[in-house]
Amino acid sequence: MRYREMGKTGVKVSVLGFGCMRLPTVDGDDSRIDEERAIKIIRNGIDSGINYVDTAYGYHSGNSERLVGKALKDGYRDKVNLATKLPLWNINCEEDVDRLLNEQLAKLDTDYIDFYLLHAVNNDSWENKVLKFNVLPKLEQKLAEGKIRHLGFSFHDDLEVFKKVIDSYDGFEFCQIQFNYIDVDYQAGMEGLQYAASKGLGVIVMEPLLGGKLAAPHEKIAEKLSKDKTPVEWALDFVWNRPEVSMLLSGMGTEQMVEDNLGYADKAQAGMLSGEQLDMLSQAKHIFDEMNLVPCTGCEYCMPCPSGVKIPKVFSAFNNITTGGRRLVKEIFPDIETNASLCKKCGKCQNACPQHIEIIDTLKKIIDKF
């Protein structure tokens, strides 16, 4: 296993982190984790050098944290940096911060959390949850009490909001962003990665495989990839190639995934890809983009909508259904179907769209999907 420093925390973390959102389940029921098997594969990862385990309040219908607590017994807690996240959508008053953190500590059966994140920060949750309910001062108290050791945030919004969040508070030590060879210009993207690193933040990458889509890419994309490596290895190497990346998270649900990823991580280093290889991945991205569900560029020529539909945001969120499924879409935009339903079919947006998107029909499809 190779290790990198997590920004200004000074903590050395394994380049591969164990994400606990896609653990093995019983009969395909996401809420029923196959405990014996999940504990075994988590511990196998730790025994092989992984020293960062990531979970969250809502993963596996609230059961992931409890499972992780069990997996880290028998001395394993002392071998890892434990990360979980504060569910901002459940905060409706200042007291909720204490309540939720205490609940998480109990489920994880630990006295402290090494890396604590504000979960899925976007502009709305930043303004109407984090700032409105004084979440950061409350978490500073928890830092002083030793209940959390490092504070950061995971992110789902655009680059402008990402920079605003970083610049608004200097207490963040790390962040977690979606990044892969497809999403270099999406959300925080490459520029956000570089910006966060320039501010001394450690950067954790989530969705390096776009929810698995890059593990088994469409044949048109696969044709562009050299057979020297598997599609998974190409995708992970793209992330590890960046010196700004502290670690990537992989949601590993099988023994084979763990074994394969450990092998890839053993060779991971910054600058490992040649210009020719990066160009190959760029060509694969071009094909993927052409296959995207809604070819919205976010230009906002369609805005403002007289009925209040947040058209670019709806489309941006919906495009994630091909990669991360309904869960990720709802995490990015919880009210997607409600907002899309505001459409009065006036047609003003379609007349203004330079991409000639059939916006009214697309909104109807999104409503039906959800």
Protein backbone atom coordinates (compact mmCIF):
# COMPACT_ATOMS: atom_id res chain seq x y z
CA MET A 1 0.00 0.00 0.00
CA ARG A 2 1.12 3.52 -0.76
CA TYR A 3 0.33 6.54 1.40
CA ARG A 4 -0.08 10.27 0.88
CA GLU A 5 -0.51 13.19 3.27
CA MET A 6 -4.05 14.43 3.79
CA GLY A 7 -3.36 18.11 3.18
CA LYS A 8 -2.57 20.23 6.20
CA THR A 9 -3.80 17.54 8.61
CA GLY A 10 -0.39 15.91 8.35
CA VAL A 11 -2.07 12.51 8.55
CA LYS A 12 -0.78 9.91 6.12
CA VAL A 13 -3.64 8.01 4.50
CA SER A 14 -3.65 5.03 2.20
CA VAL A 15 -4.20 6.02 -1.44
CA LEU A 16 -7.16 3.62 -1.41
CA GLY A 17 -9.95 4.21 1.09
CA PHE A 18 -12.73 1.75 1.92
CA GLY A 19 -16.14 3.22 1.10
CA CYS A 20 -19.01 1.59 2.98
CA MET A 21 -22.00 2.58 0.86
CA ARG A 22 -22.03 -0.55 -1.32
CA LEU A 23 -21.41 -3.38 1.12
CA PRO A 24 -22.68 -6.89 0.33
CA THR A 25 -26.37 -7.28 1.15
CA VAL A 26 -28.89 -10.04 1.76
CA ASP A 27 -31.26 -10.78 -1.14
CA GLY A 28 -30.47 -7.44 -2.78
CA ASP A 29 -32.08 -5.49 0.09
CA ASP A 30 -29.90 -2.41 0.59
CA SER A 31 -30.96 -2.11 4.22
CA ARG A 32 -29.86 -5.68 5.07
CA ILE A 33 -26.08 -5.93 5.08
CA ASP A 34 -24.49 -9.36 4.94
CA GLU A 35 -22.65 -8.70 8.20
CA GLU A 36 -20.28 -11.64 8.32
CA ARG A 37 -19.12 -11.13 4.75
CA ALA A 38 -18.93 -7.32 5.02
CA ILE A 39 -16.85 -7.46 8.19
CA LYS A 40 -14.51 -9.96 6.57
CA ILE A 41 -13.85 -7.88 3.46
CA ILE A 42 -13.39 -4.65 5.45
CA ARG A 43 -10.88 -6.32 7.75
CA ASN A 44 -9.10 -7.88 4.79
CA GLY A 45 -8.67 -4.42 3.33
CA ILE A 46 -7.30 -3.08 6.59
CA ASP A 47 -4.93 -6.05 6.97
CA SER A 48 -3.60 -5.19 3.49
CA GLY A 49 -2.81 -1.58 4.36
CA ILE A 50 -6.03 0.43 3.99
CA ASN A 51 -6.14 2.88 6.88
CA TYR A 52 -9.23 4.95 6.03
CA VAL A 53 -12.80 3.68 6.33
CA ASP A 54 -15.64 5.93 5.16
CA THR A 55 -19.31 5.64 6.04
CA ALA A 56 -22.28 7.98 6.51
CA TYR A 57 -25.46 8.38 8.52
CA GLY A 58 -27.76 7.31 5.69
CA TYR A 59 -25.79 4.55 3.97
CA HIS A 60 -27.61 1.22 3.82
CA SER A 61 -30.73 2.84 5.31
CA GLY A 62 -28.81 3.87 8.39
CA ASN A 63 -27.13 0.52 9.01
CA SER A 64 -23.69 1.13 7.54
CA GLU A 65 -22.35 2.99 10.60
CA ARG A 66 -23.48 0.20 12.90
CA LEU A 67 -21.80 -2.43 10.71
CA VAL A 68 -18.58 -0.42 10.54
CA GLY A 69 -18.57 -0.19 14.33
CA LYS A 70 -18.67 -3.98 14.49
CA ALA A 71 -15.98 -4.38 11.84
CA LEU A 72 -13.61 -2.14 13.79
CA LYS A 73 -13.72 -4.19 16.98
CA ASP A 74 -10.93 -6.59 17.98
CA GLY A 75 -8.27 -3.90 17.64
CA TYR A 76 -9.15 -2.73 14.15
CA ARG A 77 -10.33 0.70 15.35
CA ASP A 78 -6.76 1.61 16.29
CA LYS A 79 -5.52 0.72 12.79
CA VAL A 80 -7.69 3.13 10.80
CA ASN A 81 -8.87 6.67 10.34
CA LEU A 82 -12.64 6.52 10.70
CA ALA A 83 -14.76 8.91 8.64
CA THR A 84 -18.48 9.60 8.69
CA LYS A 85 -20.73 12.49 7.75
CA LEU A 86 -23.23 14.88 9.30
CA PRO A 87 -26.56 14.60 7.40
CA LEU A 88 -27.34 18.27 6.81
CA TRP A 89 -30.87 17.50 5.61
CA ASN A 90 -31.71 16.32 9.15
CA ILE A 91 -30.63 19.56 10.80
CA ASN A 92 -33.49 21.88 11.70
CA CYS A 93 -32.04 23.51 14.83
CA GLU A 94 -28.65 23.90 16.50
CA GLU A 95 -29.34 21.08 18.93
CA ASP A 96 -29.57 18.60 16.05
CA VAL A 97 -25.78 18.71 15.62
CA ASP A 98 -25.26 17.28 19.12
CA ARG A 99 -28.06 14.78 18.73
CA LEU A 100 -26.87 13.40 15.41
CA LEU A 101 -23.18 13.24 16.33
CA ASN A 102 -23.93 11.45 19.59
CA GLU A 103 -26.11 8.98 17.71
CA GLN A 104 -23.32 8.32 15.24
CA LEU A 105 -20.72 7.82 17.97
CA ALA A 106 -23.04 5.29 19.61
CA LYS A 107 -23.68 3.39 16.37
CA LEU A 108 -19.98 3.33 15.54
CA ASP A 109 -19.19 2.34 19.15
CA THR A 110 -16.33 4.81 19.38
CA ASP A 111 -15.37 7.85 21.44
CA TYR A 112 -14.25 9.94 18.49
CA ILE A 113 -14.37 10.26 14.71
CA ASP A 114 -11.10 11.00 12.92
CA PHE A 115 -12.53 12.68 9.83
CA TYR A 116 -15.99 14.25 10.08
CA LEU A 117 -17.64 15.72 7.00
CA LEU A 118 -20.61 17.95 6.30
CA HIS A 119 -22.48 15.66 3.93
CA ALA A 120 -23.27 16.66 0.33
CA VAL A 121 -22.77 20.41 0.68
CA ASN A 122 -24.46 22.51 -1.98
CA ASN A 123 -25.41 26.18 -2.04
CA ASP A 124 -28.80 25.56 -0.44
CA SER A 125 -27.53 23.41 2.42
CA TRP A 126 -24.61 25.77 3.01
CA GLU A 127 -26.84 28.82 3.34
CA ASN A 128 -29.95 27.28 4.92
CA LYS A 129 -28.43 24.60 7.13
CA VAL A 130 -24.74 25.18 7.86
CA LEU A 131 -24.88 28.97 8.27
CA LYS A 132 -28.47 29.30 9.46
CA PHE A 133 -28.07 26.87 12.35
CA ASN A 134 -24.47 27.73 13.33
CA VAL A 135 -23.24 24.25 12.48
CA LEU A 136 -19.56 25.22 12.24
CA PRO A 137 -19.27 26.78 15.73
CA LYS A 138 -20.99 23.70 17.13
CA LEU A 139 -18.50 21.41 15.39
CA GLU A 140 -15.61 23.54 16.62
CA GLN A 141 -16.80 22.68 20.15
CA LYS A 142 -16.70 19.00 19.22
CA LEU A 143 -13.16 19.42 17.92
CA ALA A 144 -12.17 21.00 21.24
CA GLU A 145 -13.85 18.16 23.12
CA GLY A 146 -11.99 15.59 21.04
CA LYS A 147 -15.13 13.97 19.66
CA ILE A 148 -13.95 14.75 16.14
CA ARG A 149 -10.36 15.31 15.06
CA HIS A 150 -10.54 16.78 11.56
CA LEU A 151 -13.36 18.68 9.88
CA GLY A 152 -14.20 18.68 6.19
CA PHE A 153 -17.08 18.46 3.73
CA SER A 154 -18.28 16.41 0.79
CA PHE A 155 -19.59 18.38 -2.15
CA HIS A 156 -22.24 18.32 -4.88
CA ASP A 157 -22.68 21.65 -6.65
CA ASP A 158 -20.83 23.83 -9.13
CA LEU A 159 -17.29 25.21 -9.03
CA GLU A 160 -18.35 28.69 -7.96
CA VAL A 161 -20.12 27.33 -4.87
CA PHE A 162 -17.16 25.05 -4.12
CA LYS A 163 -14.78 27.99 -4.02
CA LYS A 164 -17.24 30.01 -1.94
CA VAL A 165 -17.45 27.29 0.69
CA ILE A 166 -13.67 26.95 0.91
CA ASP A 167 -13.14 30.71 1.07
CA SER A 168 -15.90 31.25 3.63
CA TYR A 169 -14.35 29.14 6.38
CA ASP A 170 -10.70 28.46 7.08
CA GLY A 171 -11.34 25.62 9.53
CA PHE A 172 -11.79 22.97 6.86
CA GLU A 173 -8.81 20.63 6.56
CA PHE A 174 -10.07 18.39 3.77
CA CYS A 175 -12.86 17.95 1.26
CA GLN A 176 -14.43 15.15 -0.75
CA ILE A 177 -15.34 15.67 -4.40
CA GLN A 178 -16.63 13.67 -7.34
CA PHE A 179 -13.78 13.29 -9.82
CA ASN A 180 -12.86 10.91 -12.63
CA TYR A 181 -11.79 11.13 -16.25
CA ILE A 182 -15.37 11.99 -17.26
CA ASP A 183 -16.08 14.63 -14.59
CA VAL A 184 -13.04 16.87 -15.08
CA ASP A 185 -15.34 19.81 -15.82
CA TYR A 186 -18.28 18.75 -13.66
CA GLN A 187 -19.05 20.13 -10.18
CA ALA A 188 -15.71 20.96 -8.51
CA GLY A 189 -13.83 19.22 -11.32
CA MET A 190 -10.16 19.58 -12.12
CA GLU A 191 -10.10 23.28 -11.30
CA GLY A 192 -11.73 22.67 -7.95
CA LEU A 193 -9.27 19.88 -7.18
CA GLN A 194 -6.36 22.20 -7.84
CA TYR A 195 -7.99 25.07 -5.95
CA ALA A 196 -8.60 23.01 -2.81
CA ALA A 197 -5.05 21.65 -2.84
CA SER A 198 -3.65 25.17 -3.27
CA LYS A 199 -5.46 26.11 -0.04
CA GLY A 200 -3.80 23.25 1.82
CA LEU A 201 -6.86 21.00 1.92
CA GLY A 202 -6.54 17.27 1.59
CA VAL A 203 -8.71 16.04 -1.28
CA ILE A 204 -10.60 12.76 -1.18
CA VAL A 205 -12.08 11.58 -4.45
CA MET A 206 -15.44 9.80 -4.53
CA GLU A 207 -17.07 8.20 -7.57
CA PRO A 208 -13.75 7.43 -9.32
CA LEU A 209 -15.69 4.83 -11.32
CA LEU A 210 -18.85 6.94 -11.75
CA GLY A 211 -20.93 4.57 -9.70
CA GLY A 212 -19.47 1.60 -11.58
CA LYS A 213 -20.13 2.93 -15.08
CA LEU A 214 -16.40 3.18 -15.82
CA ALA A 215 -15.79 -0.36 -14.55
CA ALA A 216 -17.89 -1.80 -17.35
CA PRO A 217 -18.13 1.05 -19.84
CA HIS A 218 -20.24 1.06 -22.98
CA GLU A 219 -18.52 -0.78 -25.81
CA LYS A 220 -17.95 2.48 -27.71
CA ILE A 221 -15.98 3.79 -24.74
CA ALA A 222 -14.22 0.48 -24.07
CA GLU A 223 -12.93 0.44 -27.65
CA LYS A 224 -10.94 3.58 -26.91
CA LEU A 225 -9.19 2.11 -23.89
CA SER A 226 -5.91 0.25 -24.27
CA LYS A 227 -6.09 -3.40 -23.28
CA ASP A 228 -2.88 -2.98 -21.26
CA LYS A 229 -5.06 -2.35 -18.20
CA THR A 230 -8.61 -3.08 -17.18
CA PRO A 231 -11.16 -0.25 -17.47
CA VAL A 232 -11.16 -0.07 -13.66
CA GLU A 233 -7.41 0.38 -13.48
CA TRP A 234 -7.42 3.09 -16.14
CA ALA A 235 -10.08 5.00 -14.21
CA LEU A 236 -8.34 4.69 -10.85
CA ASP A 237 -4.94 5.52 -12.31
CA PHE A 238 -6.38 8.72 -13.78
CA VAL A 239 -7.27 9.85 -10.26
CA TRP A 240 -4.03 8.70 -8.62
CA ASN A 241 -2.08 10.40 -11.40
CA ARG A 242 -3.00 13.77 -9.90
CA PRO A 243 -0.60 14.89 -7.14
CA GLU A 244 -3.39 16.95 -5.55
CA VAL A 245 -5.38 13.81 -4.71
CA SER A 246 -4.78 12.49 -1.20
CA MET A 247 -6.88 9.35 -1.61
CA LEU A 248 -9.70 7.85 -3.61
CA LEU A 249 -12.63 6.00 -2.10
CA SER A 250 -13.95 2.80 -3.58
CA GLY A 251 -17.24 1.27 -2.52
CA MET A 252 -16.13 -2.34 -2.40
CA GLY A 253 -18.81 -4.98 -2.01
CA THR A 254 -17.01 -8.20 -2.96
CA GLU A 255 -13.78 -9.96 -2.10
CA GLN A 256 -12.64 -9.68 -5.73
CA MET A 257 -13.12 -5.90 -5.77
CA VAL A 258 -10.92 -5.57 -2.70
CA GLU A 259 -8.25 -7.84 -4.13
CA ASP A 260 -8.20 -6.07 -7.50
CA ASN A 261 -8.17 -2.57 -6.04
CA LEU A 262 -5.37 -3.44 -3.62
CA GLY A 263 -3.31 -4.58 -6.58
CA TYR A 264 -3.96 -1.34 -8.44
CA ALA A 265 -3.20 0.75 -5.35
CA ASP A 266 0.16 -0.98 -4.93
CA LYS A 267 1.32 0.68 -8.18
CA ALA A 268 -0.37 4.06 -7.70
CA GLN A 269 1.73 7.18 -7.97
CA ALA A 270 1.42 10.77 -9.13
CA GLY A 271 2.50 11.35 -12.71
CA MET A 272 2.12 7.70 -13.64
CA LEU A 273 0.25 8.34 -16.91
CA SER A 274 1.84 9.55 -20.14
CA GLY A 275 0.47 12.30 -22.33
CA GLU A 276 -0.65 9.69 -24.83
CA GLN A 277 -2.55 7.78 -22.15
CA LEU A 278 -4.25 10.94 -20.89
CA ASP A 279 -5.26 11.76 -24.45
CA MET A 280 -6.79 8.27 -24.76
CA LEU A 281 -8.92 8.89 -21.66
CA SER A 282 -9.90 12.29 -23.02
CA GLN A 283 -11.19 10.61 -26.17
CA ALA A 284 -13.17 8.16 -24.05
CA LYS A 285 -14.69 11.11 -22.19
CA HIS A 286 -15.72 12.70 -25.47
CA ILE A 287 -17.68 9.59 -26.43
CA PHE A 288 -19.28 9.38 -22.99
CA ASP A 289 -20.36 13.01 -23.19
CA GLU A 290 -22.02 12.36 -26.52
CA MET A 291 -24.01 9.57 -24.88
CA ASN A 292 -25.11 11.72 -21.94
CA LEU A 293 -28.88 11.67 -21.30
CA VAL A 294 -29.41 15.43 -21.43
CA PRO A 295 -26.78 17.46 -23.33
CA CYS A 296 -27.24 20.51 -21.12
CA THR A 297 -24.16 22.72 -20.80
CA GLY A 298 -25.51 24.82 -17.94
CA CYS A 299 -25.41 28.02 -19.98
CA GLU A 300 -28.68 29.13 -18.32
CA TYR A 301 -30.07 30.76 -21.48
CA CYS A 302 -33.32 29.08 -20.45
CA MET A 303 -33.39 30.93 -17.14
CA PRO A 304 -35.15 32.35 -15.30
CA CYS A 305 -38.10 30.02 -15.69
CA PRO A 306 -41.35 31.97 -15.06
CA SER A 307 -42.73 28.94 -13.20
CA GLY A 308 -39.67 28.46 -10.99
CA VAL A 309 -38.17 25.31 -12.52
CA LYS A 310 -34.41 25.17 -11.93
CA ILE A 311 -33.86 23.70 -15.37
CA PRO A 312 -30.04 23.33 -15.52
CA LYS A 313 -29.94 21.97 -11.97
CA VAL A 314 -32.67 19.43 -12.71
CA PHE A 315 -30.82 18.22 -15.83
CA SER A 316 -27.44 18.18 -14.13
CA ALA A 317 -28.78 16.06 -11.30
CA PHE A 318 -30.73 13.74 -13.60
CA ASN A 319 -27.68 12.96 -15.72
CA ASN A 320 -26.21 11.23 -12.68
CA ILE A 321 -28.84 8.51 -12.84
CA THR A 322 -26.78 6.68 -15.48
CA THR A 323 -23.79 6.66 -13.15
CA GLY A 324 -24.91 6.72 -9.55
CA GLY A 325 -28.59 5.81 -9.79
CA ARG A 326 -31.58 7.39 -8.10
CA ARG A 327 -29.81 7.68 -4.75
CA LEU A 328 -27.10 9.98 -6.08
CA VAL A 329 -29.63 12.08 -8.02
CA LYS A 330 -31.71 12.57 -4.89
CA GLU A 331 -28.61 13.41 -2.89
CA ILE A 332 -27.67 16.10 -5.37
CA PHE A 333 -31.21 17.48 -5.76
CA PRO A 334 -33.67 16.03 -3.21
CA ASP A 335 -36.67 17.89 -4.70
CA ILE A 336 -35.97 17.07 -8.34
CA GLU A 337 -39.44 15.71 -9.21
CA THR A 338 -41.28 18.43 -7.26
CA ASN A 339 -39.31 21.17 -8.97
CA ALA A 340 -39.66 19.62 -12.43
CA SER A 341 -43.44 19.41 -11.86
CA LEU A 342 -43.66 23.20 -11.71
CA CYS A 343 -43.35 23.33 -15.51
CA LYS A 344 -46.37 25.00 -17.15
CA LYS A 345 -45.22 24.08 -20.69
CA CYS A 346 -44.98 27.70 -21.82
CA GLY A 347 -42.10 26.85 -24.17
CA LYS A 348 -40.04 29.95 -23.37
CA CYS A 349 -37.04 27.82 -22.38
CA GLN A 350 -37.06 25.68 -25.52
CA ASN A 351 -37.02 28.75 -27.73
CA ALA A 352 -33.91 30.02 -25.93
CA CYS A 353 -31.92 26.76 -25.67
CA PRO A 354 -28.83 26.78 -27.92
CA GLN A 355 -28.58 22.98 -27.56
CA HIS A 356 -32.14 22.56 -28.91
CA ILE A 357 -33.11 20.34 -25.98
CA GLU A 358 -36.76 19.32 -25.86
CA ILE A 359 -36.97 20.67 -22.33
CA ILE A 360 -40.70 20.15 -21.75
CA ASP A 361 -40.61 16.50 -22.80
CA THR A 362 -37.42 15.88 -20.84
CA LEU A 363 -38.92 17.32 -17.67
CA LYS A 364 -41.92 15.04 -18.13
CA LYS A 365 -39.60 12.02 -18.42
CA ILE A 366 -37.83 13.03 -15.24
CA ILE A 367 -41.13 13.38 -13.38
CA ASP A 368 -42.20 9.94 -14.59
CA LYS A 369 -38.84 8.41 -13.60
CA PHE A 370 -39.18 9.56 -10.02
